[in-house]
PDB file of N, CA and C in Angstrom:
ATOM      1  N   MET A   1       6.572  19.039  -3.128  1.00  0.00           N
ATOM      2  CA  MET A   1       6.882  18.273  -1.923  1.00  0.00           C
ATOM      3  C   MET A   1       7.640  17.017  -2.351  1.00  0.00           C
ATOM      4  N   SER A   2       8.685  16.705  -1.650  1.00  0.00           N
ATOM      5  CA  SER A   2       9.465  15.527  -2.000  1.00  0.00           C
ATOM      6  C   SER A   2       8.755  14.244  -1.575  1.00  0.00           C
ATOM      7  N   THR A   3       9.097  13.177  -2.253  1.00  0.00           N
ATOM      8  CA  THR A   3       8.491  11.877  -1.957  1.00  0.00           C
ATOM      9  C   THR A   3       8.809  11.449  -0.532  1.00  0.00           C
ATOM     10  N   GLY A   4      10.040  11.676  -0.098  1.00  0.00           N
ATOM     11  CA  GLY A   4      10.445  11.285   1.250  1.00  0.00           C
ATOM     12  C   GLY A   4       9.616  11.976   2.324  1.00  0.00           C
ATOM     13  N   LYS A   5       9.370  13.271   2.138  1.00  0.00           N
ATOM     14  CA  LYS A   5       8.574  14.008   3.124  1.00  0.00           C
ATOM     15  C   LYS A   5       7.131  13.510   3.122  1.00  0.00           C
ATOM     16  N   PHE A   6       6.616  13.216   1.933  1.00  0.00           N
ATOM     17  CA  PHE A   6       5.247  12.720   1.848  1.00  0.00           C
ATOM     18  C   PHE A   6       5.121  11.383   2.563  1.00  0.00           C
ATOM     19  N   VAL A   7       6.055  10.475   2.291  1.00  0.00           N
ATOM     20  CA  VAL A   7       6.019   9.144   2.907  1.00  0.00           C
ATOM     21  C   VAL A   7       6.140   9.263   4.418  1.00  0.00           C
ATOM     22  N   ALA A   8       7.056  10.107   4.877  1.00  0.00           N
ATOM     23  CA  ALA A   8       7.241  10.283   6.316  1.00  0.00           C
ATOM     24  C   ALA A   8       5.968  10.853   6.956  1.00  0.00           C
ATOM     25  N   GLY A   9       5.352  11.846   6.316  1.00  0.00           N
ATOM     26  CA  GLY A   9       4.123  12.422   6.835  1.00  0.00           C
ATOM     27  C   GLY A   9       2.986  11.415   6.851  1.00  0.00           C
ATOM     28  N   PHE A  10       2.909  10.612   5.810  1.00  0.00           N
ATOM     29  CA  PHE A  10       1.873   9.590   5.719  1.00  0.00           C
ATOM     30  C   PHE A  10       2.028   8.578   6.847  1.00  0.00           C
ATOM     31  N   ILE A  11       3.249   8.148   7.090  1.00  0.00           N
ATOM     32  CA  ILE A  11       3.507   7.157   8.136  1.00  0.00           C
ATOM     33  C   ILE A  11       3.211   7.737   9.515  1.00  0.00           C
ATOM     34  N   VAL A  12       3.699   8.942   9.762  1.00  0.00           N
ATOM     35  CA  VAL A  12       3.461   9.574  11.067  1.00  0.00           C
ATOM     36  C   VAL A  12       1.963   9.772  11.288  1.00  0.00           C
ATOM     37  N   GLY A  13       1.258  10.217  10.269  1.00  0.00           N
ATOM     38  CA  GLY A  13      -0.187  10.399  10.388  1.00  0.00           C
ATOM     39  C   GLY A  13      -0.899   9.086  10.681  1.00  0.00           C
ATOM     40  N   GLY A  14      -0.468   8.032  10.018  1.00  0.00           N
ATOM     41  CA  GLY A  14      -1.061   6.723  10.259  1.00  0.00           C
ATOM     42  C   GLY A  14      -0.826   6.233  11.670  1.00  0.00           C
ATOM     43  N   VAL A  15       0.385   6.436  12.154  1.00  0.00           N
ATOM     44  CA  VAL A  15       0.713   5.997  13.513  1.00  0.00           C
ATOM     45  C   VAL A  15      -0.101   6.788  14.538  1.00  0.00           C
ATOM     46  N   VAL A  16      -0.159   8.098  14.370  1.00  0.00           N
ATOM     47  CA  VAL A  16      -0.919   8.932  15.308  1.00  0.00           C
ATOM     48  C   VAL A  16      -2.386   8.526  15.297  1.00  0.00           C
ATOM     49  N   GLY A  17      -2.945   8.322  14.108  1.00  0.00           N
ATOM     50  CA  GLY A  17      -4.341   7.901  14.009  1.00  0.00           C
ATOM     51  C   GLY A  17      -4.581   6.559  14.665  1.00  0.00           C
ATOM     52  N   ALA A  18      -3.666   5.626  14.458  1.00  0.00           N
ATOM     53  CA  ALA A  18      -3.807   4.298  15.056  1.00  0.00           C
ATOM     54  C   ALA A  18      -3.745   4.367  16.579  1.00  0.00           C
ATOM     55  N   VAL A  19      -2.816   5.152  17.100  1.00  0.00           N
ATOM     56  CA  VAL A  19      -2.677   5.273  18.562  1.00  0.00           C
ATOM     57  C   VAL A  19      -3.935   5.901  19.157  1.00  0.00           C
ATOM     58  N   ILE A  20      -4.439   6.951  18.535  1.00  0.00           N
ATOM     59  CA  ILE A  20      -5.657   7.592  19.047  1.00  0.00           C
ATOM     60  C   ILE A  20      -6.831   6.610  19.002  1.00  0.00           C
ATOM     61  N   GLY A  21      -6.935   5.877  17.902  1.00  0.00           N
ATOM     62  CA  GLY A  21      -8.006   4.897  17.783  1.00  0.00           C
ATOM     63  C   GLY A  21      -7.925   3.825  18.840  1.00  0.00           C
ATOM     64  N   VAL A  22      -6.731   3.367  19.128  1.00  0.00           N
ATOM     65  CA  VAL A  22      -6.546   2.324  20.142  1.00  0.00           C
ATOM     66  C   VAL A  22      -6.880   2.858  21.532  1.00  0.00           C
ATOM     67  N   LEU A  23      -6.433   4.071  21.810  1.00  0.00           N
ATOM     68  CA  LEU A  23      -6.678   4.633  23.140  1.00  0.00           C
ATOM     69  C   LEU A  23      -8.158   4.922  23.391  1.00  0.00           C
ATOM     70  N   LEU A  24      -8.898   5.192  22.346  1.00  0.00           N
ATOM     71  CA  LEU A  24     -10.308   5.509  22.511  1.00  0.00           C
ATOM     72  C   LEU A  24     -11.211   4.280  22.373  1.00  0.00           C
ATOM     73  N   ALA A  25     -10.649   3.154  22.016  1.00  0.00           N
ATOM     74  CA  ALA A  25     -11.445   1.934  21.828  1.00  0.00           C
ATOM     75  C   ALA A  25     -11.877   1.366  23.183  1.00  0.00           C
ATOM     76  N   PRO A  26     -13.075   0.798  23.232  1.00  0.00           N
ATOM     77  CA  PRO A  26     -13.575   0.230  24.495  1.00  0.00           C
ATOM     78  C   PRO A  26     -13.020  -1.182  24.725  1.00  0.00           C
ATOM     79  N   GLN A  27     -11.797  -1.251  25.242  1.00  0.00           N
ATOM     80  CA  GLN A  27     -11.155  -2.535  25.502  1.00  0.00           C
ATOM     81  C   GLN A  27     -10.512  -2.496  26.880  1.00  0.00           C
ATOM     82  N   SER A  28     -10.137  -3.673  27.343  1.00  0.00           N
ATOM     83  CA  SER A  28      -9.446  -3.730  28.631  1.00  0.00           C
ATOM     84  C   SER A  28      -8.025  -3.195  28.467  1.00  0.00           C
ATOM     85  N   GLY A  29      -7.391  -2.897  29.586  1.00  0.00           N
ATOM     86  CA  GLY A  29      -6.016  -2.390  29.553  1.00  0.00           C
ATOM     87  C   GLY A  29      -5.053  -3.364  28.912  1.00  0.00           C
ATOM     88  N   GLU A  30      -5.213  -4.638  29.222  1.00  0.00           N
ATOM     89  CA  GLU A  30      -4.313  -5.648  28.659  1.00  0.00           C
ATOM     90  C   GLU A  30      -4.479  -5.718  27.144  1.00  0.00           C
ATOM     91  N   GLU A  31      -5.710  -5.721  26.669  1.00  0.00           N
ATOM     92  CA  GLU A  31      -5.954  -5.760  25.222  1.00  0.00           C
ATOM     93  C   GLU A  31      -5.404  -4.510  24.546  1.00  0.00           C
ATOM     94  N   THR A  32      -5.576  -3.370  25.207  1.00  0.00           N
ATOM     95  CA  THR A  32      -5.078  -2.113  24.650  1.00  0.00           C
ATOM     96  C   THR A  32      -3.560  -2.124  24.558  1.00  0.00           C
ATOM     97  N   ARG A  33      -2.892  -2.610  25.602  1.00  0.00           N
ATOM     98  CA  ARG A  33      -1.424  -2.683  25.576  1.00  0.00           C
ATOM     99  C   ARG A  33      -0.944  -3.625  24.477  1.00  0.00           C
ATOM    100  N   GLU A  34      -1.628  -4.741  24.327  1.00  0.00           N
ATOM    101  CA  GLU A  34      -1.253  -5.693  23.281  1.00  0.00           C
ATOM    102  C   GLU A  34      -1.428  -5.057  21.903  1.00  0.00           C
ATOM    103  N   MET A  35      -2.534  -4.364  21.736  1.00  0.00           N
ATOM    104  CA  MET A  35      -2.806  -3.718  20.455  1.00  0.00           C
ATOM    105  C   MET A  35      -1.775  -2.618  20.177  1.00  0.00           C
ATOM    106  N   LEU A  36      -1.416  -1.844  21.219  1.00  0.00           N
ATOM    107  CA  LEU A  36      -0.387  -0.814  21.057  1.00  0.00           C
ATOM    108  C   LEU A  36       0.951  -1.433  20.663  1.00  0.00           C
ATOM    109  N   GLY A  37       1.289  -2.543  21.279  1.00  0.00           N
ATOM    110  CA  GLY A  37       2.540  -3.232  20.925  1.00  0.00           C
ATOM    111  C   GLY A  37       2.533  -3.689  19.479  1.00  0.00           C
ATOM    112  N   ASN A  38       1.429  -4.252  19.043  1.00  0.00           N
ATOM    113  CA  ASN A  38       1.319  -4.703  17.660  1.00  0.00           C
ATOM    114  C   ASN A  38       1.389  -3.525  16.688  1.00  0.00           C
ATOM    115  N   THR A  39       0.693  -2.448  17.055  1.00  0.00           N
ATOM    116  CA  THR A  39       0.696  -1.254  16.206  1.00  0.00           C
ATOM    117  C   THR A  39       2.093  -0.662  16.110  1.00  0.00           C
ATOM    118  N   THR A  40       2.803  -0.654  17.226  1.00  0.00           N
ATOM    119  CA  THR A  40       4.165  -0.127  17.230  1.00  0.00           C
ATOM    120  C   THR A  40       5.070  -0.965  16.342  1.00  0.00           C
ATOM    121  N   LYS A  41       4.973  -2.280  16.434  1.00  0.00           N
ATOM    122  CA  LYS A  41       5.788  -3.154  15.594  1.00  0.00           C
ATOM    123  C   LYS A  41       5.472  -2.939  14.112  1.00  0.00           C
ATOM    124  N   GLU A  42       4.184  -2.807  13.816  1.00  0.00           N
ATOM    125  CA  GLU A  42       3.761  -2.591  12.435  1.00  0.00           C
ATOM    126  C   GLU A  42       4.289  -1.253  11.913  1.00  0.00           C
ATOM    127  N   ALA A  43       4.188  -0.205  12.736  1.00  0.00           N
ATOM    128  CA  ALA A  43       4.674   1.111  12.340  1.00  0.00           C
ATOM    129  C   ALA A  43       6.177   1.088  12.134  1.00  0.00           C
ATOM    130  N   TYR A  44       6.891   0.398  13.013  1.00  0.00           N
ATOM    131  CA  TYR A  44       8.346   0.293  12.877  1.00  0.00           C
ATOM    132  C   TYR A  44       8.690  -0.392  11.552  1.00  0.00           C
ATOM    133  N   GLY A  45       7.957  -1.435  11.213  1.00  0.00           N
ATOM    134  CA  GLY A  45       8.202  -2.127   9.947  1.00  0.00           C
ATOM    135  C   GLY A  45       7.977  -1.218   8.749  1.00  0.00           C
ATOM    136  N   LYS A  46       6.904  -0.416   8.796  1.00  0.00           N
ATOM    137  CA  LYS A  46       6.618   0.502   7.695  1.00  0.00           C
ATOM    138  C   LYS A  46       7.685   1.583   7.583  1.00  0.00           C
ATOM    139  N   VAL A  47       8.092   2.128   8.713  1.00  0.00           N
ATOM    140  CA  VAL A  47       9.139   3.154   8.704  1.00  0.00           C
ATOM    141  C   VAL A  47      10.439   2.567   8.178  1.00  0.00           C
ATOM    142  N   SER A  48      10.758   1.367   8.602  1.00  0.00           N
ATOM    143  CA  SER A  48      11.976   0.711   8.145  1.00  0.00           C
ATOM    144  C   SER A  48      11.936   0.484   6.635  1.00  0.00           C
ATOM    145  N   ASP A  49      10.794   0.017   6.134  1.00  0.00           N
ATOM    146  CA  ASP A  49      10.645  -0.198   4.695  1.00  0.00           C
ATOM    147  C   ASP A  49      10.773   1.117   3.927  1.00  0.00           C
ATOM    148  N   ALA A  50      10.136   2.169   4.443  1.00  0.00           N
ATOM    149  CA  ALA A  50      10.207   3.471   3.783  1.00  0.00           C
ATOM    150  C   ALA A  50      11.636   3.997   3.777  1.00  0.00           C
ATOM    151  N   ALA A  51      12.351   3.819   4.875  1.00  0.00           N
ATOM    152  CA  ALA A  51      13.743   4.272   4.948  1.00  0.00           C
ATOM    153  C   ALA A  51      14.607   3.521   3.939  1.00  0.00           C
ATOM    154  N   LYS A  52      14.378   2.224   3.801  1.00  0.00           N
ATOM    155  CA  LYS A  52      15.140   1.446   2.822  1.00  0.00           C
ATOM    156  C   LYS A  52      14.844   1.919   1.406  1.00  0.00           C
ATOM    157  N   GLU A  53      13.579   2.194   1.137  1.00  0.00           N
ATOM    158  CA  GLU A  53      13.195   2.663  -0.200  1.00  0.00           C
ATOM    159  C   GLU A  53      13.846   4.015  -0.506  1.00  0.00           C
ATOM    160  N   ILE A  54      13.817   4.911   0.458  1.00  0.00           N
ATOM    161  CA  ILE A  54      14.435   6.226   0.275  1.00  0.00           C
ATOM    162  C   ILE A  54      15.931   6.079   0.064  1.00  0.00           C
ATOM    163  N   GLN A  55      16.574   5.187   0.816  1.00  0.00           N
ATOM    164  CA  GLN A  55      18.006   4.962   0.664  1.00  0.00           C
ATOM    165  C   GLN A  55      18.323   4.419  -0.724  1.00  0.00           C
ATOM    166  N   GLN A  56      17.520   3.487  -1.213  1.00  0.00           N
ATOM    167  CA  GLN A  56      17.750   2.933  -2.546  1.00  0.00           C
ATOM    168  C   GLN A  56      17.603   4.013  -3.616  1.00  0.00           C
ATOM    169  N   LYS A  57      16.589   4.863  -3.476  1.00  0.00           N
ATOM    170  CA  LYS A  57      16.398   5.943  -4.443  1.00  0.00           C
ATOM    171  C   LYS A  57      17.571   6.916  -4.398  1.00  0.00           C
ATOM    172  N   ALA A  58      18.034   7.230  -3.202  1.00  0.00           N
ATOM    173  CA  ALA A  58      19.165   8.151  -3.058  1.00  0.00           C
ATOM    174  C   ALA A  58      20.415   7.554  -3.692  1.00  0.00           C
ATOM    175  N   GLU A  59      20.656   6.270  -3.476  1.00  0.00           N
ATOM    176  CA  GLU A  59      21.814   5.622  -4.081  1.00  0.00           C
ATOM    177  C   GLU A  59      21.722   5.638  -5.599  1.00  0.00           C
ATOM    178  N   SER A  60      20.524   5.440  -6.114  1.00  0.00           N
ATOM    179  CA  SER A  60      20.311   5.473  -7.559  1.00  0.00           C
ATOM    180  C   SER A  60      20.624   6.859  -8.119  1.00  0.00           C
ATOM    181  N   VAL A  61      20.161   7.891  -7.426  1.00  0.00           N
ATOM    182  CA  VAL A  61      20.421   9.262  -7.868  1.00  0.00           C
ATOM    183  C   VAL A  61      21.914   9.561  -7.814  1.00  0.00           C
ATOM    184  N   VAL A  62      22.574   9.152  -6.751  1.00  0.00           N
ATOM    185  CA  VAL A  62      24.015   9.384  -6.622  1.00  0.00           C
ATOM    186  C   VAL A  62      24.767   8.678  -7.750  1.00  0.00           C
ATOM    187  N   ASP A  63      24.393   7.447  -8.054  1.00  0.00           N
ATOM    188  CA  ASP A  63      25.041   6.712  -9.137  1.00  0.00           C
ATOM    189  C   ASP A  63      24.850   7.428 -10.469  1.00  0.00           C
ATOM    190  N   GLU A  64      23.648   7.915 -10.714  1.00  0.00           N
ATOM    191  CA  GLU A  64      23.362   8.620 -11.972  1.00  0.00           C
ATOM    192  C   GLU A  64      24.163   9.914 -12.073  1.00  0.00           C
ATOM    193  N   VAL A  65      24.222  10.674 -10.979  1.00  0.00           N
ATOM    194  CA  VAL A  65      24.988  11.921 -10.969  1.00  0.00           C
ATOM    195  C   VAL A  65      26.467  11.632 -11.191  1.00  0.00           C
ATOM    196  N   GLN A  66      26.976  10.587 -10.564  1.00  0.00           N
ATOM    197  CA  GLN A  66      28.377  10.222 -10.736  1.00  0.00           C
ATOM    198  C   GLN A  66      28.659   9.827 -12.184  1.00  0.00           C
ATOM    199  N   ARG A  67      27.759   9.061 -12.783  1.00  0.00           N
ATOM    200  CA  ARG A  67      27.935   8.641 -14.171  1.00  0.00           C
ATOM    201  C   ARG A  67      27.939   9.855 -15.103  1.00  0.00           C
ATOM    202  N   LYS A  68      27.003  10.772 -14.884  1.00  0.00           N
ATOM    203  CA  LYS A  68      26.930  11.991 -15.706  1.00  0.00           C
ATOM    204  C   LYS A  68      28.188  12.834 -15.522  1.00  0.00           C
ATOM    205  N   GLY A  69      28.664  12.921 -14.281  1.00  0.00           N
ATOM    206  CA  GLY A  69      29.882  13.685 -14.011  1.00  0.00           C
ATOM    207  C   GLY A  69      31.079  13.105 -14.739  1.00  0.00           C
ATOM    208  N   GLU A  70      31.198  11.788 -14.735  1.00  0.00           N
ATOM    209  CA  GLU A  70      32.300  11.139 -15.445  1.00  0.00           C
ATOM    210  C   GLU A  70      32.192  11.375 -16.948  1.00  0.00           C
ATOM    211  N   GLU A  71      30.968  11.393 -17.471  1.00  0.00           N
ATOM    212  CA  GLU A  71      30.751  11.684 -18.889  1.00  0.00           C
ATOM    213  C   GLU A  71      31.224  13.087 -19.225  1.00  0.00           C
ATOM    214  N   ILE A  72      30.846  14.042 -18.382  1.00  0.00           N
ATOM    215  CA  ILE A  72      31.222  15.438 -18.613  1.00  0.00           C
ATOM    216  C   ILE A  72      32.730  15.603 -18.531  1.00  0.00           C
ATOM    217  N   ILE A  73      33.354  14.983 -17.551  1.00  0.00           N
ATOM    218  CA  ILE A  73      34.815  15.064 -17.417  1.00  0.00           C
ATOM    219  C   ILE A  73      35.480  14.485 -18.659  1.00  0.00           C
ATOM    220  N   GLY A  74      34.980  13.378 -19.157  1.00  0.00           N
ATOM    221  CA  GLY A  74      35.534  12.781 -20.375  1.00  0.00           C
ATOM    222  C   GLY A  74      35.421  13.722 -21.558  1.00  0.00           C
ATOM    223  N   LYS A  75      34.271  14.380 -21.714  1.00  0.00           N
ATOM    224  CA  LYS A  75      34.085  15.323 -22.815  1.00  0.00           C
ATOM    225  C   LYS A  75      35.015  16.522 -22.684  1.00  0.00           C
ATOM    226  N   ILE A  76      35.182  17.014 -21.465  1.00  0.00           N
ATOM    227  CA  ILE A  76      36.083  18.149 -21.238  1.00  0.00           C
ATOM    228  C   ILE A  76      37.516  17.754 -21.565  1.00  0.00           C
ATOM    229  N   GLN A  77      37.921  16.566 -21.141  1.00  0.00           N
ATOM    230  CA  GLN A  77      39.279  16.104 -21.440  1.00  0.00           C
ATOM    231  C   GLN A  77      39.475  15.955 -22.947  1.00  0.00           C
ATOM    232  N   ASP A  78      38.473  15.464 -23.655  1.00  0.00           N
ATOM    233  CA  ASP A  78      38.561  15.354 -25.114  1.00  0.00           C
ATOM    234  C   ASP A  78      38.715  16.729 -25.757  1.00  0.00           C
ATOM    235  N   MET A  79      37.953  17.711 -25.253  1.00  0.00           N
ATOM    236  CA  MET A  79      38.051  19.066 -25.789  1.00  0.00           C
ATOM    237  C   MET A  79      39.434  19.659 -25.530  1.00  0.00           C
ATOM    238  N   ILE A  80      39.966  19.414 -24.340  1.00  0.00           N
ATOM    239  CA  ILE A  80      41.309  19.938 -23.998  1.00  0.00           C
ATOM    240  C   ILE A  80      42.351  19.300 -24.909  1.00  0.00           C
ATOM    241  N   ASN A  81      42.260  17.988 -25.081  1.00  0.00           N
ATOM    242  CA  ASN A  81      43.217  17.294 -25.947  1.00  0.00           C
ATOM    243  C   ASN A  81      43.105  17.777 -27.380  1.00  0.00           C
ATOM    244  N   LYS A  82      41.899  18.027 -27.843  1.00  0.00           N
ATOM    245  CA  LYS A  82      41.687  18.528 -29.207  1.00  0.00           C
ATOM    246  C   LYS A  82      42.316  19.901 -29.355  1.00  0.00           C
ATOM    247  N   GLN A  83      42.149  20.757 -28.355  1.00  0.00           N
ATOM    248  CA  GLN A  83      42.738  22.097 -28.386  1.00  0.00           C
ATOM    249  C   GLN A  83      44.263  22.019 -28.379  1.00  0.00           C
ATOM    250  N   LYS A  84      44.823  21.089 -27.603  1.00  0.00           N
ATOM    251  CA  LYS A  84      46.281  20.938 -27.555  1.00  0.00           C
ATOM    252  C   LYS A  84      46.800  20.490 -28.919  1.00  0.00           C
ATOM    253  N   ASN A  85      46.090  19.575 -29.551  1.00  0.00           N
ATOM    254  CA  ASN A  85      46.532  19.077 -30.851  1.00  0.00           C
ATOM    255  C   ASN A  85      46.446  20.133 -31.938  1.00  0.00           C
ATOM    256  N   GLU A  86      45.471  21.014 -31.845  1.00  0.00           N
ATOM    257  CA  GLU A  86      45.329  22.084 -32.816  1.00  0.00           C
ATOM    258  C   GLU A  86      46.336  23.180 -32.604  1.00  0.00           C
ATOM    259  N   ALA A  87      46.832  23.314 -31.380  1.00  0.00           N
ATOM    260  CA  ALA A  87      47.781  24.407 -31.076  1.00  0.00           C
ATOM    261  C   ALA A  87      49.167  24.064 -31.455  1.00  0.00           C
TER     262      ALA A  87
END
């Protein structure tokens, strides 16, 4: 399972659990709405943080793949030049 899917599942599970807990809590409607608003803001912050983390990891992977690709291209060009010089 990828880290991104795990994080997304963890966040969604937390949000669902929090909403169910709030709806079943013995509070007035106003308190419940306030708590739901706070929970929503908190969940949005967590999702936003997770999305940023995933984006940073993806950028890191892309940079590494690009660097490796440039290395391979350089080696191939060296091999081609070596073959031309020998011919």
